[in-house]
Amino acid sequence: EIIRPLLRGRDIKRYSYEFADLYIITTFPSLKINIEQYPAVKEHLMSFGYDRLKQTGDKGSRKKTNNQWFETQDTIAYWEDFFKQKIVYIEIMTDNPDEGYDFPCFSYDEENSIALNTAYVMTGDVKELKYILSVLNSKLGKQLVKYYVVQLQQRQYRMLGQYVSNFPIPKLEGEEYYIYDNLVTKILARKKNKEDFKDLEEIIKNK
């Protein structure tokens, strides 16, 4: 319940991600967790020792806050977004397929994963998310990245929210979203089974 899958930027691929079997304890202050209800988590945290857990601001310890000793040091206002179906994308995208980089590189998560600061998340109306994902991972998505995102160095783009939020993705009529939802669902299933999905991408491209 409070131990969630962890995603790093390097785990994110086109449409899906490669889970590295990493987890994070999500004791966000806003959750108002009673740590006594999670004895195994409490024992694990206490194993770090008093000097690491004390909130004195000393080197090697927690900074001074009004939070409980087991809670994250900072209040995370957007924590609820992690518990939704979402698009996850890597902070630095590299346009170099010859070296194994996916570009563009947007993934879909419905496992309530937590993303580190090397990745960003995008939430919204669930019926629209897979359509948006299909656009972002298409040739059009590639052009949107190159046009709207400031290039860091050769072939690299830092995907800040202020750029991505400007992507002009066309709205669809109600039932049209379900066509893309179905196609992307099939792509995710094939990726999970390590099967080719180029034919499905071709259908999306011709829509």
Protein backbone atom coordinates (compact mmCIF):
# COMPACT_ATOMS: atom_id res chain seq x y z
CA GLU A 1 0.00 0.00 0.00
CA ILE A 2 2.75 2.50 0.87
CA ILE A 3 5.53 0.63 -0.94
CA ARG A 4 5.29 1.59 -4.59
CA PRO A 5 7.20 0.66 -7.78
CA LEU A 6 9.97 3.13 -8.62
CA LEU A 7 10.75 4.36 -12.12
CA ARG A 8 13.99 6.02 -13.17
CA GLY A 9 14.50 7.90 -16.40
CA ARG A 10 16.62 5.06 -17.78
CA ASP A 11 13.73 2.61 -17.29
CA ILE A 12 11.39 4.49 -19.62
CA LYS A 13 10.99 3.25 -23.19
CA ARG A 14 8.50 3.94 -25.97
CA TYR A 15 5.00 3.02 -24.82
CA SER A 16 6.15 1.00 -21.81
CA TYR A 17 9.03 0.77 -19.36
CA GLU A 18 11.53 -1.82 -18.16
CA PHE A 19 10.84 -2.21 -14.46
CA ALA A 20 14.11 -2.64 -12.54
CA ASP A 21 12.43 -4.24 -9.50
CA LEU A 22 13.00 -1.12 -7.39
CA TYR A 23 10.53 0.18 -4.83
CA ILE A 24 10.12 3.27 -2.67
CA ILE A 25 8.39 3.84 0.66
CA THR A 26 5.83 6.61 0.12
CA THR A 27 5.37 8.09 3.57
CA PHE A 28 4.20 11.45 2.24
CA PRO A 29 3.08 13.85 5.02
CA SER A 30 -0.25 14.46 3.27
CA LEU A 31 -1.16 10.78 3.71
CA LYS A 32 -1.10 11.17 7.51
CA ILE A 33 0.17 7.62 7.92
CA ASN A 34 0.12 5.84 11.26
CA ILE A 35 3.50 4.10 11.12
CA GLU A 36 2.39 1.65 13.82
CA GLN A 37 0.14 0.05 11.21
CA TYR A 38 3.23 -0.82 9.16
CA PRO A 39 5.60 -2.55 11.61
CA ALA A 40 7.89 -3.95 8.89
CA VAL A 41 8.31 -0.49 7.34
CA LYS A 42 8.93 1.05 10.76
CA GLU A 43 11.57 -1.56 11.56
CA HIS A 44 13.28 -0.97 8.22
CA LEU A 45 13.39 2.80 8.71
CA MET A 46 14.62 2.52 12.29
CA SER A 47 17.50 0.33 11.09
CA PHE A 48 19.13 3.49 9.72
CA GLY A 49 19.78 4.63 13.29
CA TYR A 50 18.95 7.68 15.36
CA ASP A 51 21.63 9.93 13.87
CA ARG A 52 20.20 9.51 10.38
CA LEU A 53 16.57 9.93 11.46
CA LYS A 54 16.81 12.87 13.85
CA GLN A 55 15.51 16.16 12.47
CA THR A 56 18.24 18.53 13.57
CA GLY A 57 19.59 19.63 10.21
CA ASP A 58 23.01 18.26 11.14
CA LYS A 59 25.16 16.75 8.42
CA GLY A 60 24.00 13.22 7.70
CA SER A 61 20.64 13.71 9.41
CA ARG A 62 17.22 14.94 8.33
CA LYS A 63 16.63 18.65 7.94
CA LYS A 64 14.44 20.49 10.44
CA THR A 65 10.75 20.12 9.58
CA ASN A 66 7.43 19.69 11.36
CA ASN A 67 6.96 16.30 9.74
CA GLN A 68 7.03 12.98 11.56
CA TRP A 69 10.40 11.22 11.74
CA PHE A 70 9.28 8.59 9.21
CA GLU A 71 7.72 10.98 6.70
CA THR A 72 9.43 12.42 3.64
CA GLN A 73 11.28 15.62 4.51
CA ASP A 74 9.41 17.69 1.96
CA THR A 75 5.69 17.99 1.40
CA ILE A 76 4.90 16.73 -2.09
CA ALA A 77 1.82 18.56 -3.35
CA TYR A 78 1.41 16.47 -6.50
CA TRP A 79 1.71 13.02 -4.85
CA GLU A 80 -1.83 12.10 -5.93
CA ASP A 81 -0.75 12.18 -9.58
CA PHE A 82 1.47 9.17 -8.96
CA PHE A 83 -1.58 7.13 -7.96
CA LYS A 84 -3.32 7.70 -11.29
CA GLN A 85 -2.97 6.23 -14.75
CA LYS A 86 -0.41 8.45 -16.41
CA ILE A 87 2.09 9.09 -19.14
CA VAL A 88 5.69 9.01 -17.93
CA TYR A 89 8.55 10.46 -19.93
CA ILE A 90 12.28 10.79 -19.51
CA GLU A 91 13.77 14.17 -18.62
CA ILE A 92 16.52 14.08 -21.26
CA MET A 93 15.51 12.56 -24.60
CA THR A 94 18.21 11.60 -27.08
CA ASP A 95 17.53 11.37 -30.80
CA ASN A 96 20.06 8.64 -31.59
CA PRO A 97 18.40 5.30 -32.43
CA ASP A 98 21.72 3.89 -33.68
CA GLU A 99 22.90 3.83 -30.07
CA GLY A 100 19.69 2.28 -28.80
CA TYR A 101 17.81 5.38 -27.69
CA ASP A 102 14.04 5.50 -28.17
CA PHE A 103 12.96 8.84 -29.61
CA PRO A 104 10.43 10.07 -28.86
CA CYS A 105 10.15 8.20 -25.58
CA PHE A 106 6.82 8.35 -23.74
CA SER A 107 5.54 5.49 -21.59
CA TYR A 108 2.22 4.48 -20.05
CA ASP A 109 1.88 3.54 -16.39
CA GLU A 110 -1.14 2.11 -14.60
CA GLU A 111 0.74 0.51 -11.69
CA ASN A 112 0.80 3.62 -9.47
CA SER A 113 4.55 3.92 -9.96
CA ILE A 114 6.60 6.73 -8.48
CA ALA A 115 8.92 8.59 -10.87
CA LEU A 116 12.28 9.96 -9.78
CA ASN A 117 13.41 13.45 -10.75
CA THR A 118 14.90 12.08 -13.99
CA ALA A 119 11.37 11.66 -15.30
CA TYR A 120 8.11 13.57 -15.52
CA VAL A 121 4.48 12.48 -15.39
CA MET A 122 1.41 13.63 -17.28
CA THR A 123 -2.11 12.94 -16.04
CA GLY A 124 -5.52 13.75 -17.41
CA ASP A 125 -8.77 12.26 -18.64
CA VAL A 126 -8.13 8.51 -18.80
CA LYS A 127 -10.01 8.11 -22.09
CA GLU A 128 -7.68 10.66 -23.72
CA LEU A 129 -4.34 9.52 -22.30
CA LYS A 130 -3.63 6.65 -24.69
CA TYR A 131 -4.54 8.81 -27.67
CA ILE A 132 -2.12 11.48 -26.44
CA LEU A 133 0.52 8.78 -25.91
CA SER A 134 0.09 7.56 -29.49
CA VAL A 135 0.60 11.10 -30.81
CA LEU A 136 3.64 11.74 -28.63
CA ASN A 137 5.33 8.51 -29.76
CA SER A 138 4.62 9.13 -33.46
CA LYS A 139 6.56 11.00 -36.14
CA LEU A 140 4.40 14.00 -35.30
CA GLY A 141 5.51 13.69 -31.68
CA LYS A 142 9.12 13.68 -32.83
CA GLN A 143 8.57 16.93 -34.71
CA LEU A 144 6.78 18.47 -31.71
CA VAL A 145 9.77 17.71 -29.49
CA LYS A 146 12.20 19.19 -31.99
CA TYR A 147 10.12 22.32 -32.54
CA TYR A 148 8.98 23.15 -28.99
CA VAL A 149 11.76 21.81 -26.76
CA VAL A 150 15.05 23.64 -26.38
CA GLN A 151 17.95 21.51 -27.52
CA LEU A 152 20.66 20.95 -24.88
CA GLN A 153 23.36 19.68 -27.17
CA GLN A 154 23.53 17.62 -30.32
CA ARG A 155 20.48 15.31 -30.41
CA GLN A 156 19.49 15.90 -26.76
CA TYR A 157 16.35 17.64 -25.50
CA ARG A 158 15.41 18.51 -21.93
CA MET A 159 11.69 17.79 -21.65
CA LEU A 160 10.59 20.48 -19.22
CA GLY A 161 6.87 20.74 -18.57
CA GLN A 162 6.82 24.34 -19.81
CA TYR A 163 7.70 23.02 -23.29
CA VAL A 164 5.60 19.85 -23.36
CA SER A 165 2.48 21.69 -22.19
CA ASN A 166 2.64 23.76 -25.40
CA PHE A 167 2.39 20.75 -27.71
CA PRO A 168 -0.71 21.36 -29.92
CA ILE A 169 -2.40 17.96 -29.87
CA PRO A 170 -5.75 17.97 -31.70
CA LYS A 171 -8.91 17.15 -29.78
CA LEU A 172 -11.08 14.27 -30.98
CA GLU A 173 -14.77 13.52 -30.83
CA GLY A 174 -15.93 11.20 -28.04
CA GLU A 175 -15.89 7.75 -29.67
CA GLU A 176 -12.70 8.44 -31.65
CA TYR A 177 -10.64 8.24 -28.45
CA TYR A 178 -11.59 4.60 -27.98
CA ILE A 179 -10.04 3.67 -31.33
CA TYR A 180 -6.64 4.88 -30.11
CA ASP A 181 -7.21 3.45 -26.65
CA ASN A 182 -7.73 0.03 -28.23
CA LEU A 183 -4.67 0.32 -30.50
CA VAL A 184 -2.36 1.46 -27.69
CA THR A 185 -3.70 -1.27 -25.39
CA LYS A 186 -2.71 -3.81 -28.06
CA ILE A 187 0.73 -2.21 -28.42
CA LEU A 188 1.31 -2.44 -24.66
CA ALA A 189 0.27 -6.10 -24.69
CA ARG A 190 2.64 -6.89 -27.55
CA LYS A 191 5.52 -5.05 -25.91
CA LYS A 192 4.93 -7.03 -22.73
CA ASN A 193 5.19 -10.22 -24.79
CA LYS A 194 8.20 -8.85 -26.71
CA GLU A 195 6.25 -8.95 -29.98
CA ASP A 196 6.51 -6.59 -32.94
CA PHE A 197 3.92 -3.80 -33.09
CA LYS A 198 4.95 -1.83 -36.18
CA ASP A 199 1.71 -2.72 -37.95
CA LEU A 200 -0.28 -1.08 -35.14
CA GLU A 201 1.88 2.04 -35.30
CA GLU A 202 1.25 2.13 -39.04
CA ILE A 203 -2.50 2.13 -38.40
CA ILE A 204 -2.09 5.03 -35.96
CA LYS A 205 0.05 6.94 -38.45
CA ASN A 206 -2.63 6.64 -41.13
CA LYS A 207 -5.50 7.78 -38.91
